């Protein structure tokens, strides 16, 4: 790893005119015209937030237990971390009832363009029924809601881990980014749901020899659970030079989701099913999860 921080890829900030065009793109419905002056005032506030780079406008001091207690941490991040810590305590408590997270990895549902429920949803429903009969608490995560619910997002991974592992915080601190309107990110809730589960079952279709886009978004954002840094103050936010120095000094790559059992069902109509299943099972193995046996990794 080089300690040099390379620069020169990102373009300049948008012009005020271009920013305005993009902002007003959310208000093209003629129903908004009566409030055009109010929208213009909100646009100006949003522009100032963008121009000033106000990623996390609401912060508080990190406090005891962090490398830099005086660092201003995002309140969003602190609250997400506290929920995940409580979920981990519940998961580790032997008195806790067995809990499984069943993930429907298809983008299809009957509430949006396809107009019909997916085969994946039906298969995941069968998994749910079997587990419930075995007295397992089931948490059903339907990723198709990304395509059909207002404001439901999993924003793309920015690849901080490729700079240095300590720059990739757990939970992810890249979002929300209010200056870029990258908000309503679902992942803080999803991290908590993965953490509290004793078992994970993923049911997914095959799209172009790979997984669906909604599942891949979640997978990429789980990179912080495999070696991620639980203390953003140790890098003072996103300071790449500090993160590189930490990794070079010795990093323990904590596995935040290991020791959970997993099952995997990959289905498709044409080709690429086996390769997709193999890639997914390799990923889960790498994360430190344990397959529930040979029949727990199915491709059909």
Protein backbone atom coordinates (compact mmCIF):
# COMPACT_ATOMS: atom_id res chain seq x y z
CA UNK A 1 0.00 0.00 0.00
CA UNK A 2 1.25 3.47 -0.86
CA UNK A 3 0.80 6.22 1.72
CA UNK A 4 0.43 8.79 -1.06
CA UNK A 5 -3.15 10.05 -1.44
CA UNK A 6 -3.82 10.32 -5.16
CA UNK A 7 -6.04 13.17 -6.37
CA UNK A 8 -7.46 14.43 -9.66
CA UNK A 9 -10.53 12.37 -10.64
CA UNK A 10 -13.50 14.22 -9.17
CA UNK A 11 -14.91 17.08 -11.26
CA UNK A 12 -15.52 20.58 -9.92
CA UNK A 13 -18.74 21.39 -8.12
CA UNK A 14 -21.82 21.97 -10.22
CA UNK A 15 -22.57 25.49 -11.35
CA UNK A 16 -25.46 27.24 -9.64
CA UNK A 17 -27.50 26.91 -12.84
CA UNK A 18 -26.88 23.15 -13.21
CA UNK A 19 -27.61 22.57 -9.53
CA UNK A 20 -30.92 24.40 -9.90
CA UNK A 21 -31.93 22.35 -12.92
CA UNK A 22 -31.28 19.11 -11.06
CA UNK A 23 -33.01 20.30 -7.89
CA UNK A 24 -36.13 21.44 -9.75
CA UNK A 25 -36.30 18.08 -11.52
CA UNK A 26 -38.19 16.75 -8.48
CA UNK A 27 -40.92 19.37 -8.92
CA UNK A 28 -41.97 19.08 -12.58
CA UNK A 29 -45.54 18.10 -11.66
CA UNK A 30 -47.73 21.15 -12.43
CA UNK A 31 -49.27 20.71 -8.96
CA UNK A 32 -46.09 22.28 -7.55
CA UNK A 33 -46.40 25.50 -9.60
CA UNK A 34 -48.48 27.28 -6.96
CA UNK A 35 -45.58 26.90 -4.53
CA UNK A 36 -42.83 27.93 -6.96
CA UNK A 37 -41.61 30.84 -4.75
CA UNK A 38 -41.36 28.54 -1.71
CA UNK A 39 -39.53 25.90 -3.74
CA UNK A 40 -37.09 28.57 -4.94
CA UNK A 41 -36.32 29.50 -1.32
CA UNK A 42 -35.74 25.84 -0.42
CA UNK A 43 -33.54 25.48 -3.51
CA UNK A 44 -31.32 28.29 -2.27
CA UNK A 45 -30.94 26.62 1.14
CA UNK A 46 -30.08 23.32 -0.58
CA UNK A 47 -27.55 25.11 -2.80
CA UNK A 48 -25.78 26.62 0.20
CA UNK A 49 -25.63 23.19 1.86
CA UNK A 50 -24.17 21.72 -1.33
CA UNK A 51 -21.68 24.55 -1.87
CA UNK A 52 -20.51 24.35 1.75
CA UNK A 53 -20.36 20.53 1.73
CA UNK A 54 -22.64 20.13 4.76
CA UNK A 55 -22.67 16.33 4.66
CA UNK A 56 -23.74 15.85 8.29
CA UNK A 57 -25.43 19.03 9.53
CA UNK A 58 -26.43 17.56 12.91
CA UNK A 59 -23.52 16.33 15.05
CA UNK A 60 -22.44 15.92 18.64
CA UNK A 61 -19.18 15.18 20.42
CA UNK A 62 -18.23 11.51 20.18
CA UNK A 63 -17.62 11.25 23.92
CA UNK A 64 -15.89 8.53 25.97
CA UNK A 65 -14.90 5.28 24.31
CA UNK A 66 -13.76 6.89 21.05
CA UNK A 67 -10.21 7.62 19.93
CA UNK A 68 -11.03 11.34 19.78
CA UNK A 69 -13.86 12.10 22.23
CA UNK A 70 -14.00 15.73 21.06
CA UNK A 71 -14.62 14.85 17.41
CA UNK A 72 -18.01 15.94 16.06
CA UNK A 73 -19.76 12.74 14.99
CA UNK A 74 -22.95 12.56 12.95
CA UNK A 75 -25.96 11.96 15.20
CA UNK A 76 -27.34 9.64 12.49
CA UNK A 77 -24.22 7.49 12.76
CA UNK A 78 -24.13 7.46 16.57
CA UNK A 79 -27.76 6.35 16.79
CA UNK A 80 -27.23 3.62 14.18
CA UNK A 81 -24.16 2.34 16.05
CA UNK A 82 -26.09 2.22 19.33
CA UNK A 83 -28.90 0.19 17.72
CA UNK A 84 -26.40 -2.24 16.20
CA UNK A 85 -24.64 -2.67 19.55
CA UNK A 86 -27.96 -3.51 21.21
CA UNK A 87 -28.77 -5.96 18.40
CA UNK A 88 -25.39 -7.67 18.90
CA UNK A 89 -26.07 -8.04 22.63
CA UNK A 90 -29.44 -9.64 21.86
CA UNK A 91 -27.86 -11.98 19.30
CA UNK A 92 -25.21 -13.09 21.79
CA UNK A 93 -27.67 -13.72 24.64
CA UNK A 94 -28.26 -17.50 24.89
CA UNK A 95 -31.76 -16.83 26.20
CA UNK A 96 -32.72 -15.14 22.93
CA UNK A 97 -35.05 -17.13 20.67
CA UNK A 98 -33.46 -18.24 17.39
CA UNK A 99 -33.95 -15.52 14.80
CA UNK A 100 -33.60 -15.80 11.02
CA UNK A 101 -33.37 -13.04 8.45
CA UNK A 102 -35.00 -14.17 5.19
CA UNK A 103 -34.02 -11.94 2.26
CA UNK A 104 -36.05 -11.70 -0.94
CA UNK A 105 -33.48 -10.56 -3.51
CA UNK A 106 -35.75 -9.77 -6.45
CA UNK A 107 -36.59 -6.23 -7.56
CA UNK A 108 -40.02 -7.36 -8.81
CA UNK A 109 -43.34 -6.85 -7.07
CA UNK A 110 -46.91 -6.13 -8.02
CA UNK A 111 -46.80 -2.58 -6.64
CA UNK A 112 -44.75 -1.23 -9.54
CA UNK A 113 -43.98 -1.79 -13.25
CA UNK A 114 -43.87 -5.64 -13.38
CA UNK A 115 -47.45 -5.76 -12.06
CA UNK A 116 -46.95 -9.20 -10.55
CA UNK A 117 -45.28 -10.79 -7.53
CA UNK A 118 -41.95 -12.48 -8.17
CA UNK A 119 -41.04 -16.16 -8.09
CA UNK A 120 -38.36 -15.18 -5.59
CA UNK A 121 -40.99 -13.75 -3.24
CA UNK A 122 -43.00 -16.97 -3.42
CA UNK A 123 -39.92 -19.12 -2.74
CA UNK A 124 -38.85 -16.87 0.14
CA UNK A 125 -42.40 -17.19 1.50
CA UNK A 126 -42.00 -20.98 1.58
CA UNK A 127 -38.75 -20.57 3.52
CA UNK A 128 -40.57 -18.29 5.93
CA UNK A 129 -43.34 -20.87 6.48
CA UNK A 130 -40.90 -23.69 7.24
CA UNK A 131 -38.93 -21.63 9.73
CA UNK A 132 -42.05 -20.39 11.51
CA UNK A 133 -43.24 -24.00 11.88
CA UNK A 134 -39.88 -24.76 13.53
CA UNK A 135 -40.53 -21.98 16.08
CA UNK A 136 -37.93 -19.62 14.60
CA UNK A 137 -38.54 -15.87 14.76
CA UNK A 138 -38.44 -14.68 11.15
CA UNK A 139 -37.53 -11.20 9.94
CA UNK A 140 -38.53 -10.92 6.26
CA UNK A 141 -36.48 -8.41 4.25
CA UNK A 142 -38.03 -7.71 0.85
CA UNK A 143 -35.51 -5.80 -1.27
CA UNK A 144 -38.13 -5.19 -3.97
CA UNK A 145 -39.31 -2.27 -1.82
CA UNK A 146 -36.39 -0.34 -3.29
CA UNK A 147 -38.30 -0.25 -6.58
CA UNK A 148 -41.78 0.43 -5.28
CA UNK A 149 -41.61 2.62 -2.15
CA UNK A 150 -41.22 6.38 -2.09
CA UNK A 151 -37.85 7.50 -0.76
CA UNK A 152 -36.55 3.97 -0.08
CA UNK A 153 -32.85 3.84 -1.05
CA UNK A 154 -29.72 1.80 -0.76
CA UNK A 155 -27.09 4.17 -2.05
CA UNK A 156 -24.06 2.65 -3.83
CA UNK A 157 -20.87 1.76 -2.00
CA UNK A 158 -18.17 4.38 -2.58
CA UNK A 159 -15.29 1.91 -2.20
CA UNK A 160 -13.54 3.51 0.80
CA UNK A 161 -12.05 0.10 1.60
CA UNK A 162 -9.83 0.35 -1.48
CA UNK A 163 -8.13 3.38 0.04
CA UNK A 164 -7.63 1.66 3.40
CA UNK A 165 -9.79 -0.63 5.53
CA UNK A 166 -9.97 1.80 8.50
CA UNK A 167 -11.55 4.39 6.18
CA UNK A 168 -14.53 2.02 5.79
CA UNK A 169 -16.55 2.55 8.95
CA UNK A 170 -19.06 0.14 10.50
CA UNK A 171 -21.81 1.10 10.24
CA UNK A 172 -21.17 2.95 6.99
CA UNK A 173 -20.59 6.67 7.52
CA UNK A 174 -20.79 7.66 3.85
CA UNK A 175 -24.53 8.18 4.15
CA UNK A 176 -26.63 10.13 4.70
CA UNK A 177 -24.87 12.91 2.81
CA UNK A 178 -27.26 15.83 3.08
CA UNK A 179 -25.19 18.15 0.89
CA UNK A 180 -25.65 15.74 -2.04
CA UNK A 181 -29.26 14.80 -1.21
CA UNK A 182 -28.09 11.21 -0.59
CA UNK A 183 -30.60 10.54 2.15
CA UNK A 184 -33.21 7.96 3.25
CA UNK A 185 -30.58 5.24 3.16
CA UNK A 186 -31.97 1.86 4.23
CA UNK A 187 -28.67 0.29 5.22
CA UNK A 188 -28.49 1.44 8.84
CA UNK A 189 -31.68 -0.52 9.48
CA UNK A 190 -30.38 -3.47 7.44
CA UNK A 191 -27.10 -3.60 9.38
CA UNK A 192 -29.13 -3.88 12.57
CA UNK A 193 -31.30 -6.66 11.11
CA UNK A 194 -28.27 -8.68 9.97
CA UNK A 195 -26.61 -8.20 13.36
CA UNK A 196 -29.60 -9.49 15.33
CA UNK A 197 -30.04 -12.62 13.18
CA UNK A 198 -28.63 -16.04 14.08
CA UNK A 199 -29.30 -17.29 10.57
CA UNK A 200 -29.46 -15.62 7.14
CA UNK A 201 -31.37 -17.08 4.19
CA UNK A 202 -30.99 -15.35 0.83
CA UNK A 203 -33.35 -16.19 -2.03
CA UNK A 204 -32.45 -14.49 -5.30
CA UNK A 205 -33.01 -14.64 -9.05
CA UNK A 206 -30.23 -14.67 -11.62
CA UNK A 207 -29.92 -11.51 -13.73
CA UNK A 208 -27.44 -11.59 -16.60
CA UNK A 209 -25.22 -14.28 -15.03
CA UNK A 210 -25.18 -12.42 -11.72
CA UNK A 211 -27.34 -11.29 -8.82
CA UNK A 212 -30.08 -8.69 -9.07
CA UNK A 213 -29.14 -5.03 -8.75
CA UNK A 214 -31.07 -4.61 -5.48
CA UNK A 215 -29.23 -7.51 -3.84
CA UNK A 216 -25.86 -6.30 -5.14
CA UNK A 217 -26.43 -2.87 -3.64
CA UNK A 218 -26.90 -4.45 -0.21
CA UNK A 219 -23.94 -6.81 -0.65
CA UNK A 220 -21.55 -4.01 -1.58
CA UNK A 221 -22.65 -1.91 1.39
CA UNK A 222 -21.97 -4.86 3.72
CA UNK A 223 -18.23 -4.60 3.00
CA UNK A 224 -17.88 -2.50 6.16
CA UNK A 225 -19.05 -5.52 8.20
CA UNK A 226 -15.93 -7.43 7.11
CA UNK A 227 -13.03 -5.57 8.65
CA UNK A 228 -14.66 -2.17 8.97
CA UNK A 229 -13.67 0.48 11.47
CA UNK A 230 -16.13 0.94 14.38
CA UNK A 231 -14.60 4.29 15.33
CA UNK A 232 -14.77 7.09 12.71
CA UNK A 233 -12.94 9.44 15.09
CA UNK A 234 -9.77 7.36 14.60
CA UNK A 235 -9.66 8.67 11.02
CA UNK A 236 -11.33 12.00 11.84
CA UNK A 237 -14.08 11.22 9.39
CA UNK A 238 -12.83 10.49 5.91
CA UNK A 239 -9.13 11.39 6.15
CA UNK A 240 -7.40 8.92 3.79
CA UNK A 241 -3.86 9.60 5.03
CA UNK A 242 -4.88 8.80 8.62
CA UNK A 243 -6.64 5.62 7.50
CA UNK A 244 -3.62 4.45 5.51
CA UNK A 245 -1.36 5.05 8.48
CA UNK A 246 -3.67 3.04 10.75
CA UNK A 247 -3.71 0.08 8.38
CA UNK A 248 0.04 0.11 7.88
CA UNK A 249 0.53 0.18 11.65
CA UNK A 250 -1.50 -3.04 11.91
CA UNK A 251 -5.24 -3.54 11.50
CA UNK A 252 -7.18 -6.47 12.97
CA UNK A 253 -9.98 -6.53 10.32
CA UNK A 254 -12.87 -7.26 12.73
CA UNK A 255 -15.59 -9.52 11.34
CA UNK A 256 -18.78 -7.91 12.58
CA UNK A 257 -21.19 -10.55 11.22
CA UNK A 258 -19.31 -13.83 11.51
CA UNK A 259 -20.58 -17.01 13.22
CA UNK A 260 -24.04 -16.75 11.69
CA UNK A 261 -25.54 -19.67 9.79
CA UNK A 262 -26.61 -19.14 6.19
CA UNK A 263 -28.73 -20.72 3.52
CA UNK A 264 -28.80 -19.71 -0.13
CA UNK A 265 -31.30 -20.33 -2.93
CA UNK A 266 -30.40 -19.06 -6.41
CA UNK A 267 -32.87 -19.64 -9.23
CA UNK A 268 -33.15 -18.66 -12.86
CA UNK A 269 -34.77 -19.45 -16.18
CA UNK A 270 -31.79 -19.66 -18.53
CA UNK A 271 -28.08 -19.65 -17.59
CA UNK A 272 -25.62 -18.31 -15.04
CA UNK A 273 -27.35 -19.79 -12.01
CA UNK A 274 -24.49 -21.94 -10.78
CA UNK A 275 -21.91 -19.18 -11.15
CA UNK A 276 -24.08 -16.73 -9.28
CA UNK A 277 -24.65 -19.21 -6.45
CA UNK A 278 -20.94 -19.93 -6.22
CA UNK A 279 -20.08 -16.22 -6.03
CA UNK A 280 -22.67 -15.62 -3.31
CA UNK A 281 -21.61 -18.58 -1.21
CA UNK A 282 -17.94 -17.56 -1.57
CA UNK A 283 -18.85 -14.08 -0.36
CA UNK A 284 -20.77 -15.40 2.66
CA UNK A 285 -17.94 -17.80 3.52
CA UNK A 286 -15.43 -14.93 3.30
CA UNK A 287 -17.58 -12.88 5.70
CA UNK A 288 -17.23 -15.65 8.27
CA UNK A 289 -20.75 -17.04 8.01
CA UNK A 290 -21.23 -20.83 8.14
CA UNK A 291 -23.31 -22.74 5.64
CA UNK A 292 -26.07 -24.92 7.08
CA UNK A 293 -24.92 -27.95 5.06
CA UNK A 294 -24.59 -29.02 1.43
CA UNK A 295 -28.31 -28.64 0.81
CA UNK A 296 -28.22 -25.07 2.11
CA UNK A 297 -26.55 -23.87 -1.10
CA UNK A 298 -29.01 -24.49 -3.90
CA UNK A 299 -29.03 -23.41 -7.52
CA UNK A 300 -31.98 -24.33 -9.72
